[in-house]
Amino acid sequence: MENHKTFCPMPGVNAGVLSLEKLEQVNELAQKYQVPMVKVTGGQRLFFKGIAPEKMADLKQELNIPSTPPHARNRVNYVQACPGKTWCNCGTGATEHLTQALMDLELDGPLPAKVKVGISGCVRCCCESWMRDIGLAAEKKGWRLTFGGNAAGKPRIGDVIAEGLSDDEALELVEKILDYYRNTAKAKTRTARFVERFGIEELKQNVLGGVNG
């Protein structure tokens, strides 16, 4: 098959989890539209690759994908998560609840830039939590939350904001951090550059009030 270097995301696939029904749908679509490659990305999403341009519009219509990206960016870009202790012998914390909660989180306004989340069920950090805008890693005493990580051309390890958090405390603090970020950062400024400019202590002073850990 010819590679047209096109791509189309599969909606509803997050954190690398696919139901049997979703797998069957992927198989049917790949055959129907003669998709040369179905790729699970580094962000644990699923993309159809190399589709003929004349078939792209029909595929997007079948998947209910708008022709233009939405302007409101009041959600995180994606959540990358490991199986956690539910499925992994090494896991310290369960990841399912936080994963779903962060995917469903809607802020009151658009974020300045894309925000990637990494949730790791133990300190091995299989989901590269240190290198994500928002990083969560399960320790024996609770969740460790980091902010400002980046793995791009100018990599940066995220700063620890708090440790020993419960699921609810972690979710509350993530929302406070993202609200502060969206209200303070300039447009198109990723979290790593934002922290370098404003300083992590300034951020902590503004978001840690009333949160345990």
N, C-alpha and C. Protein backbone atom coordinates (compact mmCIF):
# COMPACT_ATOMS: atom_id res chain seq x y z
N MET A 1 0.83 -1.21 0.00
CA MET A 1 0.00 0.00 0.00
C MET A 1 0.87 1.25 0.00
N GLU A 2 0.37 2.28 -0.68
CA GLU A 2 1.11 3.54 -0.73
C GLU A 2 0.99 4.29 0.60
N ASN A 3 2.09 4.88 1.02
CA ASN A 3 2.09 5.67 2.25
C ASN A 3 1.88 7.13 1.91
N HIS A 4 0.72 7.66 2.30
CA HIS A 4 0.40 9.06 1.99
C HIS A 4 0.83 10.01 3.11
N LYS A 5 1.40 9.45 4.19
CA LYS A 5 1.86 10.25 5.33
C LYS A 5 0.73 11.11 5.91
N THR A 6 -0.45 10.56 5.91
CA THR A 6 -1.59 11.20 6.55
C THR A 6 -1.85 10.50 7.89
N PHE A 7 -2.66 11.12 8.72
CA PHE A 7 -3.01 10.46 9.98
C PHE A 7 -4.38 10.92 10.44
N CYS A 8 -5.02 10.05 11.22
CA CYS A 8 -6.34 10.35 11.77
C CYS A 8 -6.45 9.66 13.12
N PRO A 9 -6.77 10.40 14.18
CA PRO A 9 -6.89 9.79 15.50
C PRO A 9 -8.15 8.96 15.64
N MET A 10 -8.08 7.95 16.48
CA MET A 10 -9.26 7.15 16.81
C MET A 10 -9.86 7.71 18.10
N PRO A 11 -11.02 8.35 18.05
CA PRO A 11 -11.61 8.93 19.26
C PRO A 11 -11.92 7.85 20.30
N GLY A 12 -11.84 8.23 21.55
CA GLY A 12 -12.23 7.33 22.62
C GLY A 12 -11.17 6.36 23.07
N VAL A 13 -9.96 6.48 22.52
CA VAL A 13 -8.85 5.63 22.96
C VAL A 13 -7.89 6.49 23.75
N ASN A 14 -7.83 6.28 25.05
CA ASN A 14 -6.98 7.07 25.94
C ASN A 14 -6.23 6.14 26.88
N ALA A 15 -5.02 6.54 27.25
CA ALA A 15 -4.18 5.78 28.18
C ALA A 15 -3.92 4.36 27.68
N GLY A 16 -4.01 4.16 26.35
CA GLY A 16 -3.67 2.86 25.77
C GLY A 16 -4.67 1.76 26.04
N VAL A 17 -5.87 2.09 26.50
CA VAL A 17 -6.87 1.08 26.85
C VAL A 17 -7.91 0.97 25.74
N LEU A 18 -8.09 -0.25 25.23
CA LEU A 18 -9.09 -0.52 24.20
C LEU A 18 -10.00 -1.66 24.65
N SER A 19 -11.30 -1.46 24.53
CA SER A 19 -12.25 -2.53 24.82
C SER A 19 -12.30 -3.47 23.61
N LEU A 20 -12.92 -4.63 23.80
CA LEU A 20 -13.07 -5.57 22.69
C LEU A 20 -13.88 -4.94 21.56
N GLU A 21 -14.92 -4.18 21.93
CA GLU A 21 -15.74 -3.52 20.91
C GLU A 21 -14.93 -2.50 20.13
N LYS A 22 -14.05 -1.77 20.84
CA LYS A 22 -13.22 -0.77 20.16
C LYS A 22 -12.21 -1.44 19.23
N LEU A 23 -11.65 -2.57 19.65
CA LEU A 23 -10.72 -3.31 18.80
C LEU A 23 -11.41 -3.79 17.52
N GLU A 24 -12.63 -4.27 17.68
CA GLU A 24 -13.38 -4.72 16.50
C GLU A 24 -13.67 -3.55 15.57
N GLN A 25 -13.98 -2.40 16.13
CA GLN A 25 -14.24 -1.22 15.30
C GLN A 25 -12.99 -0.79 14.56
N VAL A 26 -11.84 -0.81 15.25
CA VAL A 26 -10.57 -0.46 14.61
C VAL A 26 -10.29 -1.39 13.44
N ASN A 27 -10.50 -2.67 13.64
CA ASN A 27 -10.26 -3.65 12.59
C ASN A 27 -11.16 -3.41 11.38
N GLU A 28 -12.44 -3.15 11.66
CA GLU A 28 -13.39 -2.90 10.57
C GLU A 28 -13.03 -1.64 9.78
N LEU A 29 -12.65 -0.57 10.49
CA LEU A 29 -12.30 0.68 9.82
C LEU A 29 -11.02 0.54 9.02
N ALA A 30 -10.03 -0.16 9.57
CA ALA A 30 -8.76 -0.34 8.88
C ALA A 30 -8.95 -1.09 7.56
N GLN A 31 -9.83 -2.08 7.57
CA GLN A 31 -10.09 -2.83 6.34
C GLN A 31 -10.95 -2.02 5.36
N LYS A 32 -11.95 -1.34 5.89
CA LYS A 32 -12.86 -0.57 5.03
C LYS A 32 -12.13 0.53 4.28
N TYR A 33 -11.22 1.22 4.99
CA TYR A 33 -10.52 2.36 4.38
C TYR A 33 -9.10 2.02 3.94
N GLN A 34 -8.76 0.74 3.96
CA GLN A 34 -7.46 0.25 3.51
C GLN A 34 -6.32 1.04 4.18
N VAL A 35 -6.34 1.03 5.49
CA VAL A 35 -5.35 1.77 6.27
C VAL A 35 -4.04 0.99 6.31
N PRO A 36 -2.93 1.56 5.83
CA PRO A 36 -1.65 0.83 5.81
C PRO A 36 -1.08 0.54 7.19
N MET A 37 -1.32 1.44 8.17
CA MET A 37 -0.76 1.26 9.50
C MET A 37 -1.71 1.78 10.57
N VAL A 38 -1.87 1.00 11.63
CA VAL A 38 -2.59 1.45 12.83
C VAL A 38 -1.53 1.53 13.93
N LYS A 39 -1.34 2.73 14.46
CA LYS A 39 -0.22 2.99 15.36
C LYS A 39 -0.69 3.43 16.74
N VAL A 40 -0.18 2.75 17.78
CA VAL A 40 -0.35 3.23 19.15
C VAL A 40 0.79 4.20 19.41
N THR A 41 0.47 5.45 19.70
CA THR A 41 1.48 6.49 19.82
C THR A 41 2.17 6.46 21.18
N GLY A 42 3.22 7.27 21.33
CA GLY A 42 3.91 7.39 22.60
C GLY A 42 3.01 7.93 23.70
N GLY A 43 1.98 8.67 23.31
CA GLY A 43 1.01 9.19 24.26
C GLY A 43 -0.13 8.23 24.53
N GLN A 44 0.03 6.98 24.08
CA GLN A 44 -0.94 5.91 24.29
C GLN A 44 -2.29 6.19 23.63
N ARG A 45 -2.25 6.90 22.51
CA ARG A 45 -3.45 7.06 21.70
C ARG A 45 -3.31 6.19 20.45
N LEU A 46 -4.36 6.11 19.66
CA LEU A 46 -4.33 5.25 18.48
C LEU A 46 -4.61 6.08 17.23
N PHE A 47 -3.74 5.95 16.25
CA PHE A 47 -3.86 6.73 15.02
C PHE A 47 -3.89 5.80 13.80
N PHE A 48 -4.72 6.15 12.83
CA PHE A 48 -4.69 5.52 11.51
C PHE A 48 -3.68 6.29 10.66
N LYS A 49 -2.72 5.59 10.09
CA LYS A 49 -1.65 6.25 9.34
C LYS A 49 -1.69 5.88 7.85
N GLY A 50 -1.31 6.88 7.03
CA GLY A 50 -1.10 6.63 5.61
C GLY A 50 -2.35 6.47 4.78
N ILE A 51 -3.49 7.00 5.26
CA ILE A 51 -4.75 6.85 4.54
C ILE A 51 -4.75 7.70 3.28
N ALA A 52 -5.33 7.17 2.22
CA ALA A 52 -5.44 7.94 0.98
C ALA A 52 -6.24 9.21 1.24
N PRO A 53 -5.75 10.37 0.77
CA PRO A 53 -6.42 11.64 1.07
C PRO A 53 -7.90 11.65 0.69
N GLU A 54 -8.27 10.99 -0.40
CA GLU A 54 -9.66 11.00 -0.83
C GLU A 54 -10.57 10.20 0.11
N LYS A 55 -9.98 9.36 0.96
CA LYS A 55 -10.75 8.58 1.92
C LYS A 55 -10.78 9.21 3.32
N MET A 56 -9.92 10.20 3.52
CA MET A 56 -9.78 10.80 4.85
C MET A 56 -11.07 11.45 5.32
N ALA A 57 -11.73 12.20 4.45
CA ALA A 57 -12.94 12.91 4.83
C ALA A 57 -14.04 11.94 5.26
N ASP A 58 -14.17 10.83 4.53
CA ASP A 58 -15.20 9.84 4.87
C ASP A 58 -14.90 9.18 6.21
N LEU A 59 -13.62 8.88 6.47
CA LEU A 59 -13.24 8.27 7.74
C LEU A 59 -13.54 9.22 8.90
N LYS A 60 -13.16 10.48 8.76
CA LYS A 60 -13.42 11.46 9.81
C LYS A 60 -14.92 11.64 10.06
N GLN A 61 -15.69 11.61 8.98
CA GLN A 61 -17.13 11.75 9.13
C GLN A 61 -17.71 10.55 9.88
N GLU A 62 -17.24 9.36 9.58
CA GLU A 62 -17.72 8.16 10.27
C GLU A 62 -17.35 8.18 11.74
N LEU A 63 -16.19 8.80 12.06
CA LEU A 63 -15.73 8.89 13.45
C LEU A 63 -16.23 10.15 14.15
N ASN A 64 -17.03 10.96 13.44
CA ASN A 64 -17.57 12.21 13.99
C ASN A 64 -16.47 13.17 14.43
N ILE A 65 -15.41 13.24 13.64
CA ILE A 65 -14.31 14.17 13.90
C ILE A 65 -14.55 15.44 13.10
N PRO A 66 -14.57 16.62 13.74
CA PRO A 66 -14.80 17.87 13.00
C PRO A 66 -13.67 18.15 12.02
N SER A 67 -14.00 18.88 10.95
CA SER A 67 -13.00 19.18 9.92
C SER A 67 -11.93 20.14 10.41
N THR A 68 -12.26 20.94 11.41
CA THR A 68 -11.28 21.86 12.00
C THR A 68 -11.17 21.57 13.49
N PRO A 69 -9.98 21.76 14.09
CA PRO A 69 -9.83 21.49 15.52
C PRO A 69 -10.65 22.45 16.35
N PRO A 70 -11.15 22.02 17.51
CA PRO A 70 -11.93 22.92 18.37
C PRO A 70 -11.05 24.04 18.89
N HIS A 71 -11.64 25.22 19.05
CA HIS A 71 -10.88 26.38 19.52
C HIS A 71 -10.71 26.37 21.04
N ALA A 72 -11.69 25.82 21.76
CA ALA A 72 -11.60 25.76 23.22
C ALA A 72 -10.62 24.68 23.64
N ARG A 73 -9.64 25.08 24.46
CA ARG A 73 -8.64 24.11 24.92
C ARG A 73 -8.66 24.06 26.44
N ASN A 74 -9.83 23.74 26.95
CA ASN A 74 -9.98 23.72 28.40
C ASN A 74 -9.81 22.32 28.98
N ARG A 75 -9.20 21.42 28.23
CA ARG A 75 -8.89 20.07 28.68
C ARG A 75 -7.42 19.77 28.45
N VAL A 76 -6.91 18.79 29.18
CA VAL A 76 -5.54 18.36 28.93
C VAL A 76 -5.47 17.70 27.56
N ASN A 77 -4.27 17.71 26.98
CA ASN A 77 -4.07 17.16 25.64
C ASN A 77 -4.27 15.65 25.64
N TYR A 78 -3.63 14.98 26.56
CA TYR A 78 -3.86 13.55 26.74
C TYR A 78 -3.36 13.12 28.12
N VAL A 79 -3.83 11.94 28.54
CA VAL A 79 -3.37 11.32 29.78
C VAL A 79 -2.72 9.99 29.44
N GLN A 80 -1.47 9.86 29.80
CA GLN A 80 -0.71 8.63 29.60
C GLN A 80 -0.63 7.94 30.96
N ALA A 81 -1.04 6.68 31.03
CA ALA A 81 -1.09 6.01 32.33
C ALA A 81 -0.69 4.54 32.21
N CYS A 82 -0.02 4.06 33.23
CA CYS A 82 0.34 2.64 33.28
C CYS A 82 -0.83 1.85 33.88
N PRO A 83 -0.78 0.51 33.88
CA PRO A 83 -1.90 -0.28 34.42
C PRO A 83 -2.10 -0.12 35.92
N GLY A 84 -1.06 0.33 36.65
CA GLY A 84 -1.20 0.49 38.09
C GLY A 84 -1.29 -0.84 38.82
N LYS A 85 -1.55 -0.77 40.12
CA LYS A 85 -1.51 -1.99 40.93
C LYS A 85 -2.66 -2.95 40.61
N THR A 86 -3.68 -2.46 39.93
CA THR A 86 -4.78 -3.35 39.55
C THR A 86 -4.32 -4.47 38.63
N TRP A 87 -3.35 -4.15 37.74
CA TRP A 87 -2.90 -5.10 36.74
C TRP A 87 -1.41 -5.41 36.81
N CYS A 88 -0.65 -4.67 37.59
CA CYS A 88 0.81 -4.82 37.60
C CYS A 88 1.30 -5.20 39.00
N ASN A 89 2.16 -6.21 39.08
CA ASN A 89 2.69 -6.65 40.37
C ASN A 89 3.58 -5.59 41.02
N CYS A 90 4.12 -4.69 40.22
CA CYS A 90 5.00 -3.65 40.75
C CYS A 90 4.22 -2.43 41.24
N GLY A 91 2.95 -2.36 40.90
CA GLY A 91 2.17 -1.16 41.18
C GLY A 91 1.98 -0.89 42.66
N THR A 92 2.10 0.38 43.01
CA THR A 92 1.85 0.84 44.38
C THR A 92 0.46 1.47 44.50
N GLY A 93 0.05 2.16 43.44
CA GLY A 93 -1.26 2.82 43.44
C GLY A 93 -2.06 2.45 42.20
N ALA A 94 -3.38 2.49 42.34
CA ALA A 94 -4.27 2.25 41.19
C ALA A 94 -4.39 3.54 40.38
N THR A 95 -4.35 3.41 39.07
CA THR A 95 -4.31 4.59 38.19
C THR A 95 -5.64 4.91 37.52
N GLU A 96 -6.60 3.98 37.55
CA GLU A 96 -7.81 4.14 36.74
C GLU A 96 -8.61 5.38 37.13
N HIS A 97 -8.81 5.60 38.42
CA HIS A 97 -9.67 6.71 38.86
C HIS A 97 -9.10 8.06 38.42
N LEU A 98 -7.82 8.28 38.70
CA LEU A 98 -7.21 9.56 38.33
C LEU A 98 -7.15 9.74 36.82
N THR A 99 -6.88 8.66 36.11
CA THR A 99 -6.83 8.74 34.65
C THR A 99 -8.15 9.25 34.10
N GLN A 100 -9.25 8.62 34.50
CA GLN A 100 -10.56 9.02 34.00
C GLN A 100 -10.92 10.42 34.47
N ALA A 101 -10.62 10.73 35.72
CA ALA A 101 -10.97 12.05 36.26
C ALA A 101 -10.25 13.17 35.52
N LEU A 102 -8.98 12.95 35.18
CA LEU A 102 -8.21 13.98 34.48
C LEU A 102 -8.61 14.09 33.01
N MET A 103 -9.02 12.98 32.42
CA MET A 103 -9.52 13.04 31.05
C MET A 103 -10.84 13.80 30.98
N ASP A 104 -11.63 13.70 32.06
CA ASP A 104 -12.94 14.36 32.09
C ASP A 104 -12.86 15.80 32.60
N LEU A 105 -11.72 16.20 33.14
CA LEU A 105 -11.60 17.52 33.76
C LEU A 105 -11.78 18.64 32.74
N GLU A 106 -12.71 19.54 33.03
CA GLU A 106 -12.94 20.72 32.19
C GLU A 106 -12.65 21.96 33.02
N LEU A 107 -11.77 22.80 32.50
CA LEU A 107 -11.42 24.04 33.17
C LEU A 107 -12.36 25.15 32.72
N ASP A 108 -12.30 26.28 33.42
CA ASP A 108 -13.20 27.39 33.12
C ASP A 108 -12.78 28.20 31.90
N GLY A 109 -11.60 27.91 31.36
CA GLY A 109 -11.12 28.63 30.20
C GLY A 109 -10.03 27.86 29.50
N PRO A 110 -9.61 28.31 28.32
CA PRO A 110 -8.61 27.59 27.54
C PRO A 110 -7.21 27.66 28.17
N LEU A 111 -6.47 26.59 28.04
CA LEU A 111 -5.08 26.55 28.49
C LEU A 111 -4.19 27.29 27.50
N PRO A 112 -3.06 27.85 27.96
CA PRO A 112 -2.17 28.58 27.06
C PRO A 112 -1.54 27.71 25.98
N ALA A 113 -1.32 26.43 26.30
CA ALA A 113 -0.69 25.50 25.37
C ALA A 113 -1.12 24.09 25.76
N LYS A 114 -0.72 23.12 24.96
CA LYS A 114 -1.11 21.75 25.26
C LYS A 114 -0.48 21.29 26.57
N VAL A 115 -1.21 20.45 27.28
CA VAL A 115 -0.76 19.91 28.56
C VAL A 115 -0.84 18.39 28.48
N LYS A 116 0.29 17.74 28.71
CA LYS A 116 0.35 16.28 28.70
C LYS A 116 0.50 15.78 30.13
N VAL A 117 -0.22 14.70 30.44
CA VAL A 117 -0.22 14.15 31.79
C VAL A 117 0.35 12.74 31.76
N GLY A 118 1.24 12.43 32.72
CA GLY A 118 1.77 11.09 32.87
C GLY A 118 1.47 10.56 34.25
N ILE A 119 0.77 9.42 34.33
CA ILE A 119 0.42 8.82 35.62
C ILE A 119 1.10 7.48 35.73
N SER A 120 1.98 7.34 36.72
CA SER A 120 2.72 6.10 36.94
C SER A 120 2.30 5.49 38.27
N GLY A 121 2.01 4.20 38.26
CA GLY A 121 1.53 3.54 39.45
C GLY A 121 2.59 3.16 40.45
N CYS A 122 3.86 3.50 40.17
CA CYS A 122 4.95 3.27 41.12
C CYS A 122 6.10 4.20 40.76
N VAL A 123 7.15 4.17 41.55
CA VAL A 123 8.26 5.10 41.36
C VAL A 123 9.14 4.74 40.16
N ARG A 124 8.87 3.62 39.51
CA ARG A 124 9.61 3.28 38.29
C ARG A 124 9.25 4.22 37.14
N CYS A 125 8.12 4.87 37.26
CA CYS A 125 7.69 5.91 36.30
C CYS A 125 7.67 5.42 34.86
N CYS A 126 7.00 4.29 34.62
CA CYS A 126 6.90 3.77 33.26
C CYS A 126 6.27 4.77 32.29
N CYS A 127 5.45 5.67 32.82
CA CYS A 127 4.79 6.66 31.95
C CYS A 127 5.49 8.01 31.97
N GLU A 128 6.76 8.00 32.33
CA GLU A 128 7.62 9.19 32.20
C GLU A 128 7.01 10.41 32.88
N SER A 129 6.52 10.20 34.08
CA SER A 129 5.83 11.28 34.79
C SER A 129 6.72 12.50 35.01
N TRP A 130 8.01 12.27 35.22
CA TRP A 130 8.94 13.39 35.43
C TRP A 130 9.03 14.30 34.21
N MET A 131 8.74 13.78 33.03
CA MET A 131 8.92 14.54 31.79
C MET A 131 7.60 15.04 31.21
N ARG A 132 6.56 15.03 32.00
CA ARG A 132 5.26 15.51 31.53
C ARG A 132 4.90 16.85 32.20
N ASP A 133 4.02 17.59 31.54
CA ASP A 133 3.57 18.87 32.11
C ASP A 133 3.01 18.64 33.51
N ILE A 134 2.16 17.65 33.63
CA ILE A 134 1.65 17.20 34.93
C ILE A 134 2.09 15.75 35.11
N GLY A 135 2.81 15.49 36.20
CA GLY A 135 3.26 14.13 36.47
C GLY A 135 2.74 13.64 37.81
N LEU A 136 2.23 12.42 37.82
CA LEU A 136 1.78 11.79 39.06
C LEU A 136 2.43 10.42 39.17
N ALA A 137 3.04 10.14 40.31
CA ALA A 137 3.67 8.84 40.54
C ALA A 137 3.28 8.36 41.93
N ALA A 138 2.86 7.10 42.01
CA ALA A 138 2.41 6.54 43.28
C ALA A 138 3.60 6.11 44.12
N GLU A 139 3.64 6.62 45.35
CA GLU A 139 4.61 6.19 46.35
C GLU A 139 3.84 5.53 47.48
N LYS A 140 4.54 4.91 48.43
CA LYS A 140 3.87 4.20 49.52
C LYS A 140 2.96 5.12 50.34
N LYS A 141 3.36 6.40 50.44
CA LYS A 141 2.59 7.34 51.27
C LYS A 141 1.54 8.12 50.46
N GLY A 142 1.47 7.87 49.15
CA GLY A 142 0.49 8.58 48.33
C GLY A 142 1.09 9.05 47.03
N TRP A 143 0.38 9.93 46.34
CA TRP A 143 0.82 10.43 45.04
C TRP A 143 1.84 11.55 45.17
N ARG A 144 2.87 11.49 44.34
CA ARG A 144 3.82 12.60 44.17
C ARG A 144 3.41 13.35 42.91
N LEU A 145 3.24 14.66 43.04
CA LEU A 145 2.81 15.48 41.91
C LEU A 145 3.93 16.39 41.45
N THR A 146 4.24 16.34 40.16
CA THR A 146 5.26 17.21 39.58
C THR A 146 4.65 18.07 38.48
N PHE A 147 5.29 19.19 38.22
CA PHE A 147 4.78 20.14 37.22
C PHE A 147 5.95 20.72 36.43
N GLY A 148 5.73 20.93 35.13
CA GLY A 148 6.72 21.61 34.31
C GLY A 148 7.72 20.71 33.62
N GLY A 149 7.40 19.42 33.49
CA GLY A 149 8.30 18.52 32.77
C GLY A 149 8.12 18.65 31.27
N ASN A 150 9.17 18.30 30.53
CA ASN A 150 9.11 18.40 29.07
C ASN A 150 10.19 17.52 28.47
N ALA A 151 9.84 16.81 27.40
CA ALA A 151 10.80 15.91 26.76
C ALA A 151 11.13 16.34 25.33
N ALA A 152 10.88 17.60 25.02
CA ALA A 152 11.07 18.07 23.65
C ALA A 152 12.51 18.52 23.40
N GLY A 153 12.67 19.50 22.51
CA GLY A 153 14.01 19.93 22.12
C GLY A 153 14.83 20.51 23.26
N LYS A 154 14.13 21.07 24.25
CA LYS A 154 14.79 21.58 25.44
C LYS A 154 14.20 20.86 26.65
N PRO A 155 14.66 19.63 26.94
CA PRO A 155 14.03 18.81 27.97
C PRO A 155 14.17 19.39 29.36
N ARG A 156 13.21 19.04 30.20
CA ARG A 156 13.21 19.53 31.57
C ARG A 156 12.52 18.52 32.48
N ILE A 157 13.13 18.21 33.62
CA ILE A 157 12.50 17.37 34.63
C ILE A 157 11.54 18.23 35.45
N GLY A 158 10.34 17.73 35.67
CA GLY A 158 9.34 18.49 36.41
C GLY A 158 9.73 18.71 37.87
N ASP A 159 9.21 19.77 38.46
CA ASP A 159 9.46 20.09 39.87
C ASP A 159 8.40 19.42 40.75
N VAL A 160 8.83 18.93 41.90
CA VAL A 160 7.89 18.33 42.85
C VAL A 160 7.07 19.44 43.50
N ILE A 161 5.76 19.33 43.40
CA ILE A 161 4.86 20.29 44.02
C ILE A 161 4.38 19.79 45.38
N ALA A 162 4.05 18.52 45.45
CA ALA A 162 3.55 17.95 46.71
C ALA A 162 3.70 16.44 46.66
N GLU A 163 3.70 15.83 47.85
CA GLU A 163 3.81 14.38 47.98
C GLU A 163 2.79 13.89 49.01
N GLY A 164 2.56 12.58 49.01
CA GLY A 164 1.65 12.00 49.99
C GLY A 164 0.20 12.36 49.76
N LEU A 165 -0.20 12.56 48.52
CA LEU A 165 -1.56 12.99 48.20
C LEU A 165 -2.49 11.81 47.98
N SER A 166 -3.72 11.95 48.42
CA SER A 166 -4.76 10.99 48.07
C SER A 166 -5.20 11.27 46.63
N ASP A 167 -6.05 10.40 46.08
CA ASP A 167 -6.58 10.64 44.74
C ASP A 167 -7.29 11.99 44.66
N ASP A 168 -8.16 12.26 45.62
CA ASP A 168 -8.94 13.50 45.60
C ASP A 168 -8.05 14.73 45.77
N GLU A 169 -7.06 14.63 46.65
CA GLU A 169 -6.14 15.75 46.86
C GLU A 169 -5.31 16.01 45.60
N ALA A 170 -4.89 14.94 44.96
CA ALA A 170 -4.10 15.09 43.73
C ALA A 170 -4.92 15.76 42.64
N LEU A 171 -6.16 15.33 42.48
CA LEU A 171 -7.03 15.92 41.47
C LEU A 171 -7.30 17.39 41.77
N GLU A 172 -7.56 17.70 43.02
CA GLU A 172 -7.81 19.09 43.43
C GLU A 172 -6.60 19.98 43.13
N LEU A 173 -5.41 19.46 43.44
CA LEU A 173 -4.21 20.26 43.25
C LEU A 173 -3.87 20.42 41.77
N VAL A 174 -4.10 19.39 40.98
CA VAL A 174 -3.89 19.51 39.53
C VAL A 174 -4.77 20.61 38.96
N GLU A 175 -6.02 20.63 39.38
CA GLU A 175 -6.93 21.66 38.87
C GLU A 175 -6.48 23.06 39.30
N LYS A 176 -6.01 23.21 40.53
CA LYS A 176 -5.51 24.51 41.00
C LYS A 176 -4.29 24.94 40.20
N ILE A 177 -3.39 24.01 39.95
CA ILE A 177 -2.18 24.32 39.18
C ILE A 177 -2.54 24.76 37.77
N LEU A 178 -3.43 24.01 37.13
CA LEU A 178 -3.80 24.35 35.75
C LEU A 178 -4.56 25.67 35.68
N ASP A 179 -5.36 25.98 36.70
CA ASP A 179 -6.05 27.27 36.73
C ASP A 179 -5.04 28.41 36.86
N TYR A 180 -4.05 28.22 37.73
CA TYR A 180 -3.02 29.25 37.89
C TYR A 180 -2.22 29.41 36.60
N TYR A 181 -1.88 28.31 35.99
CA TYR A 181 -1.12 28.32 34.73
C TYR A 181 -1.89 29.04 33.62
N ARG A 182 -3.17 28.71 33.47
CA ARG A 182 -3.93 29.32 32.37
C ARG A 182 -4.21 30.80 32.61
N ASN A 183 -4.26 31.21 33.89
CA ASN A 183 -4.52 32.62 34.20
C ASN A 183 -3.25 33.48 34.20
N THR A 184 -2.08 32.84 34.20
CA THR A 184 -0.82 33.58 34.37
C THR A 184 0.09 33.51 33.15
N ALA A 185 0.14 32.36 32.50
CA ALA A 185 1.08 32.17 31.40
C ALA A 185 0.61 32.86 30.12
N LYS A 186 1.56 33.27 29.31
CA LYS A 186 1.25 33.84 28.00
C LYS A 186 0.82 32.72 27.05
N ALA A 187 0.06 33.09 26.03
CA ALA A 187 -0.40 32.11 25.05
C ALA A 187 0.78 31.38 24.41
N LYS A 188 0.62 30.09 24.20
CA LYS A 188 1.59 29.21 23.54
C LYS A 188 2.82 28.93 24.41
N THR A 189 2.76 29.28 25.70
CA THR A 189 3.88 29.00 26.60
C THR A 189 3.64 27.66 27.27
N ARG A 190 4.50 26.68 27.00
CA ARG A 190 4.39 25.37 27.65
C ARG A 190 4.78 25.50 29.12
N THR A 191 4.39 24.52 29.92
CA THR A 191 4.59 24.61 31.37
C THR A 191 6.06 24.70 31.75
N ALA A 192 6.94 24.00 31.01
CA ALA A 192 8.37 24.02 31.34
C ALA A 192 8.94 25.43 31.24
N ARG A 193 8.61 26.11 30.17
CA ARG A 193 9.10 27.49 29.99
C ARG A 193 8.41 28.44 30.98
N PHE A 194 7.16 28.16 31.31
CA PHE A 194 6.44 28.97 32.28
C PHE A 194 7.12 28.90 33.65
N VAL A 195 7.48 27.70 34.09
CA VAL A 195 8.13 27.53 35.38
C VAL A 195 9.50 28.21 35.38
N GLU A 196 10.23 28.10 34.30
CA GLU A 196 11.54 28.75 34.21
C GLU A 196 11.41 30.27 34.32
N ARG A 197 10.33 30.79 33.81
CA ARG A 197 10.14 32.25 33.81
C ARG A 197 9.64 32.77 35.15
N PHE A 198 8.68 32.08 35.75
CA PHE A 198 8.05 32.57 36.97
C PHE A 198 8.64 31.98 38.24
N GLY A 199 9.26 30.80 38.14
CA GLY A 199 9.83 30.17 39.32
C GLY A 199 8.85 29.24 40.00
N ILE A 200 9.33 28.08 40.42
CA ILE A 200 8.45 27.08 41.01
C ILE A 200 7.95 27.51 42.39
N GLU A 201 8.75 28.27 43.14
CA GLU A 201 8.31 28.71 44.46
C GLU A 201 7.14 29.66 44.37
N GLU A 202 7.14 30.51 43.36
CA GLU A 202 6.02 31.42 43.14
C GLU A 202 4.74 30.63 42.89
N LEU A 203 4.86 29.59 42.07
CA LEU A 203 3.69 28.75 41.79
C LEU A 203 3.20 28.05 43.05
N LYS A 204 4.12 27.50 43.84
CA LYS A 204 3.74 26.79 45.07
C LYS A 204 2.98 27.71 46.03
N GLN A 205 3.45 28.93 46.17
CA GLN A 205 2.80 29.87 47.08
C GLN A 205 1.36 30.15 46.66
N ASN A 206 1.11 30.07 45.37
CA ASN A 206 -0.23 30.40 44.87
C ASN A 206 -1.20 29.22 44.82
N VAL A 207 -0.67 27.99 44.89
CA VAL A 207 -1.58 26.85 44.70
C VAL A 207 -1.66 25.91 45.90
N LEU A 208 -0.73 25.99 46.83
CA LEU A 208 -0.70 25.00 47.90
C LEU A 208 -1.60 25.31 49.08
N GLY A 209 -2.17 26.46 49.17
CA GLY A 209 -3.02 26.77 50.29
C GLY A 209 -4.24 25.88 50.37
N GLY A 210 -4.40 25.24 51.52
CA GLY A 210 -5.59 24.41 51.76
C GLY A 210 -5.51 23.00 51.24
N VAL A 211 -4.33 22.60 50.68
CA VAL A 211 -4.17 21.24 50.19
C VAL A 211 -3.17 20.53 51.06
N ASN A 212 -3.53 19.36 51.57
CA ASN A 212 -2.64 18.59 52.43
C ASN A 212 -1.50 18.00 51.63
N GLY A 213 -0.43 17.56 52.31
CA GLY A 213 0.69 16.91 51.64
C GLY A 213 1.84 17.84 51.41
